[in-house]
Amino acid sequence: MPSFQYFVATSLDGFIATADDNLDWLLQFDGFEGGMESYEAFMADIGAIVMGGETYAWLKKHEADNWPYSGTPSWVFTHHELSAPPGADVTFVRGPVTEFVEDLKSAAAGRNVWVVGGGVLAAQFADAGLLDELIVSIIPVVLGSGKPLLPLVRPTAPLELLASRTMGRGIVELRYRVAGGA
């Protein structure tokens, strides 16, 4: 059965982006030892991707000529009218995440669903009891403010640590099972 996984990088103080969606603090770490291997191993089990409209807009702006998820069905939760890149399998939806769970599982074809982000969308999955795993890379930078990792309505139950590992440049990857996940 597909798992809903939030695979994300965060600053040491728990932010996934600056308030204005700047990721320069993260991009300065591109190519760190173990990063590509972790991403490729994660993606090998992904059958569908879901993201929020702001994440989609960021991708379109920064990857204008290269849709990074070619061949993987992608779903975008948005209140705006948007267009898909040529040849990309992108479905635009609006409404509660609970309305689309079965569609996402079906699109994943027995593999996992990556909740790319942002944090608000991932929090909607978590608040609905649908988020199964949180895989977070802690980047050794303190931002002071920004967009939080997981802005939940209420605290979670204790998470179960499944794995941890140290990678290059002081980055630590933590993998947690989320209690109450689907």
Protein backbone atom coordinates (compact mmCIF):
# COMPACT_ATOMS: atom_id res chain seq x y z
CA MET A 1 0.00 0.00 0.00
CA PRO A 2 1.43 3.42 -0.91
CA SER A 3 2.83 5.60 1.84
CA PHE A 4 2.56 9.39 1.87
CA GLN A 5 6.07 10.70 2.52
CA TYR A 6 7.21 14.26 3.16
CA PHE A 7 10.84 14.35 1.96
CA VAL A 8 12.26 17.80 2.63
CA ALA A 9 15.24 19.86 3.74
CA THR A 10 15.02 22.29 6.62
CA SER A 11 17.26 24.78 8.32
CA LEU A 12 18.48 23.93 11.80
CA ASP A 13 15.73 26.16 13.20
CA GLY A 14 12.93 24.47 11.24
CA PHE A 15 12.33 26.54 8.10
CA ILE A 16 12.04 25.15 4.55
CA ALA A 17 12.35 28.55 2.84
CA THR A 18 12.73 32.19 3.70
CA ALA A 19 9.54 34.23 3.95
CA ASP A 20 9.97 35.27 0.28
CA ASP A 21 10.56 31.65 -0.91
CA ASN A 22 14.30 32.09 -1.31
CA LEU A 23 16.28 28.84 -1.23
CA ASP A 24 19.81 30.22 -1.71
CA TRP A 25 20.66 29.05 1.83
CA LEU A 26 19.87 25.48 0.71
CA LEU A 27 21.19 25.61 -2.85
CA GLN A 28 24.68 26.50 -1.58
CA PHE A 29 24.83 22.87 -0.38
CA ASP A 30 24.09 21.29 -3.80
CA GLY A 31 26.23 18.25 -4.46
CA PHE A 32 26.93 17.35 -0.83
CA GLU A 33 28.22 13.84 -0.17
CA GLY A 34 25.36 11.35 0.12
CA GLY A 35 22.69 13.77 -1.08
CA MET A 36 22.20 12.42 -4.59
CA GLU A 37 22.27 8.82 -3.38
CA SER A 38 19.59 9.59 -0.78
CA TYR A 39 17.41 11.35 -3.36
CA GLU A 40 17.77 8.59 -5.97
CA ALA A 41 16.97 5.84 -3.45
CA PHE A 42 13.92 7.80 -2.29
CA MET A 43 12.70 8.47 -5.86
CA ALA A 44 13.03 4.79 -6.80
CA ASP A 45 9.96 4.12 -4.63
CA ILE A 46 7.89 7.14 -5.71
CA GLY A 47 4.93 6.62 -8.04
CA ALA A 48 3.22 10.03 -7.73
CA ILE A 49 4.06 13.51 -6.52
CA VAL A 50 1.86 16.11 -4.84
CA MET A 51 2.77 19.74 -4.21
CA GLY A 52 1.27 23.10 -3.44
CA GLY A 53 0.86 25.92 -5.92
CA GLU A 54 3.73 27.98 -4.50
CA THR A 55 6.14 25.05 -4.84
CA TYR A 56 4.92 24.53 -8.41
CA ALA A 57 5.42 28.23 -9.23
CA TRP A 58 8.95 28.09 -7.78
CA LEU A 59 9.76 25.05 -9.93
CA LYS A 60 8.37 26.68 -13.07
CA LYS A 61 10.46 29.78 -12.39
CA HIS A 62 13.70 27.98 -11.55
CA GLU A 63 13.35 24.93 -13.82
CA ALA A 64 11.62 26.69 -16.71
CA ASP A 65 13.05 24.46 -19.43
CA ASN A 66 13.26 21.23 -17.43
CA TRP A 67 10.32 19.65 -15.60
CA PRO A 68 12.24 17.67 -12.94
CA TYR A 69 9.58 14.97 -12.49
CA SER A 70 9.19 13.77 -16.05
CA GLY A 71 7.39 10.44 -16.22
CA THR A 72 5.91 10.73 -12.72
CA PRO A 73 2.27 11.82 -12.31
CA SER A 74 2.24 15.10 -10.40
CA TRP A 75 -0.68 16.75 -8.63
CA VAL A 76 -0.73 20.45 -7.75
CA PHE A 77 -3.10 21.87 -5.14
CA THR A 78 -3.81 25.45 -6.15
CA HIS A 79 -6.45 28.16 -6.24
CA HIS A 80 -4.95 29.65 -9.42
CA GLU A 81 -5.30 28.80 -13.08
CA LEU A 82 -1.93 27.33 -14.09
CA SER A 83 -0.57 25.49 -17.09
CA ALA A 84 1.56 22.36 -17.21
CA PRO A 85 4.96 22.18 -18.90
CA PRO A 86 4.85 20.48 -22.31
CA GLY A 87 4.79 16.71 -21.94
CA ALA A 88 4.47 16.77 -18.13
CA ASP A 89 1.82 14.65 -16.42
CA VAL A 90 0.44 17.39 -14.11
CA THR A 91 -3.09 17.52 -12.67
CA PHE A 92 -4.30 20.72 -10.99
CA VAL A 93 -6.79 20.33 -8.14
CA ARG A 94 -8.38 22.36 -5.38
CA GLY A 95 -10.11 21.29 -2.23
CA PRO A 96 -9.28 19.28 0.87
CA VAL A 97 -6.46 16.76 0.49
CA THR A 98 -8.81 14.04 1.78
CA GLU A 99 -10.85 14.31 -1.44
CA PHE A 100 -7.88 13.21 -3.56
CA VAL A 101 -6.25 10.46 -1.49
CA GLU A 102 -7.64 7.57 -3.56
CA ASP A 103 -6.74 9.34 -6.83
CA LEU A 104 -3.17 9.87 -5.59
CA LYS A 105 -2.84 6.25 -4.49
CA SER A 106 -4.19 5.07 -7.84
CA ALA A 107 -1.76 7.33 -9.74
CA ALA A 108 1.11 5.96 -7.63
CA ALA A 109 0.32 2.44 -8.88
CA GLY A 110 1.39 0.67 -5.69
CA ARG A 111 4.39 2.91 -5.04
CA ASN A 112 4.70 5.82 -2.59
CA VAL A 113 3.42 9.39 -2.90
CA TRP A 114 5.90 12.20 -2.31
CA VAL A 115 4.40 15.23 -0.61
CA VAL A 116 6.95 17.67 -2.03
CA GLY A 117 5.56 20.68 -0.23
CA GLY A 118 5.31 23.18 0.82
CA GLY A 119 4.94 22.88 4.53
CA VAL A 120 1.32 24.04 4.53
CA LEU A 121 0.26 21.24 2.16
CA ALA A 122 2.28 18.65 4.11
CA ALA A 123 0.60 19.89 7.29
CA GLN A 124 -2.81 19.33 5.69
CA PHE A 125 -1.87 15.70 5.04
CA ALA A 126 -0.53 15.34 8.59
CA ASP A 127 -3.56 17.03 10.20
CA ALA A 128 -5.84 14.63 8.26
CA GLY A 129 -3.85 11.62 9.54
CA LEU A 130 -2.58 10.86 6.04
CA LEU A 131 1.15 11.53 6.37
CA ASP A 132 3.01 8.26 6.95
CA GLU A 133 6.65 9.36 6.98
CA LEU A 134 8.70 12.49 7.46
CA ILE A 135 12.16 12.33 5.89
CA VAL A 136 14.00 15.51 6.71
CA SER A 137 17.53 16.63 5.96
CA ILE A 138 18.73 19.11 8.56
CA ILE A 139 20.89 21.72 6.85
CA PRO A 140 23.45 23.42 9.15
CA VAL A 141 22.13 26.95 8.62
CA VAL A 142 20.01 29.09 10.94
CA LEU A 143 17.51 31.34 9.12
CA GLY A 144 15.82 33.01 12.09
CA SER A 145 12.46 33.11 10.32
CA GLY A 146 10.73 31.84 7.22
CA LYS A 147 8.28 29.18 6.12
CA PRO A 148 8.00 26.47 8.78
CA LEU A 149 8.69 22.80 8.18
CA LEU A 150 5.24 21.64 9.22
CA PRO A 151 2.77 24.32 10.41
CA LEU A 152 0.28 21.99 12.09
CA VAL A 153 -3.05 22.77 13.72
CA ARG A 154 -1.95 20.83 16.83
CA PRO A 155 1.17 18.96 17.99
CA THR A 156 1.79 15.46 16.67
CA ALA A 157 1.99 12.34 18.76
CA PRO A 158 5.61 11.28 19.30
CA LEU A 159 7.26 10.35 16.00
CA GLU A 160 9.10 7.03 15.69
CA LEU A 161 12.68 7.38 14.48
CA LEU A 162 13.25 4.80 11.73
CA ALA A 163 16.73 5.85 10.59
CA SER A 164 19.33 8.58 10.84
CA ARG A 165 22.55 9.27 9.03
CA THR A 166 25.15 11.95 8.72
CA MET A 167 26.00 13.12 5.23
CA GLY A 168 28.52 15.57 3.82
CA ARG A 169 28.94 19.17 5.00
CA GLY A 170 27.31 18.46 8.36
CA ILE A 171 23.88 17.50 6.99
CA VAL A 172 21.87 14.98 8.99
CA GLU A 173 18.99 13.01 7.47
CA LEU A 174 16.27 11.79 9.84
CA ARG A 175 13.49 9.40 8.88
CA TYR A 176 10.41 9.25 11.10
CA ARG A 177 7.16 7.31 11.05
CA VAL A 178 4.26 9.63 11.77
CA ALA A 179 1.79 8.17 14.30
CA GLY A 180 -1.73 8.02 12.94
CA GLY A 181 -0.60 7.98 9.31
CA ALA A 182 -2.83 6.29 6.75
